[in-house]
């Protein structure tokens, strides 16, 4: 080993306590989120993301950061990121993290909670990930009497359903069905559609019973409607 590498290794060992890591537990840092308090799976109001974290490595961790990220499931674009600094967390202690208010556009989102030490390196094994619907059935920029997504009919149902919507002018659309995990079940329509009223049938024969969401998206407008499939 070169002299330079020896000096670097010694400096890193001396620095570990300052960085909040004991030399005996440098590989034992584990602050893992285990319960999401907010948002709810179907969230209708602006909210402050909240989650419970636990120290599971049995060591004191100084100056960790608890982090929350929200990503639009359709575009995969991040829409929210916040970090809560903590002075220290004792061995096996729990802590509730409350982040700044989130008020994204109506859509289906993936939310992730994790922790980092002050290097920063992830110390959550694993991060906590979930999906939620925000302001379901509420439009982003509605134009009364022009753009609209009607309630799905019939609902609840044991058979195919009709999805009706109106467009104020010719535009690109995406009409998709999602399950409660945020997974796309089927795409009912896409491409450029003309102005006016339209109806699309969803054949539910291949979908298991459960709660689903039909979402219409155009540039400047989106809306979602819930539908329940019975046995």
Foldseek 3Di string as FASTA:
>chain_A
DDPVVVVVVVVVQVCQVVLFHHPVCNVQWAKAWDAWPDDDQEAEDWAWTKTKIWTASQAKGAWKKKKKWKAFPVVRHTDDIFIDTDGIDHGGDMDMDTTDIDDDAFGKMKMWIFMAGVVGDTRHPDIDIAIHTYNAFDKRADDPPAWHWDAWPPAAEQWKIKTKIFHNAWFWKWKFKAASRRDTPGTFDTDTDGGTMDMTIDGCPPPDFDKMKIWMDTVRIIHIHIGTHDD
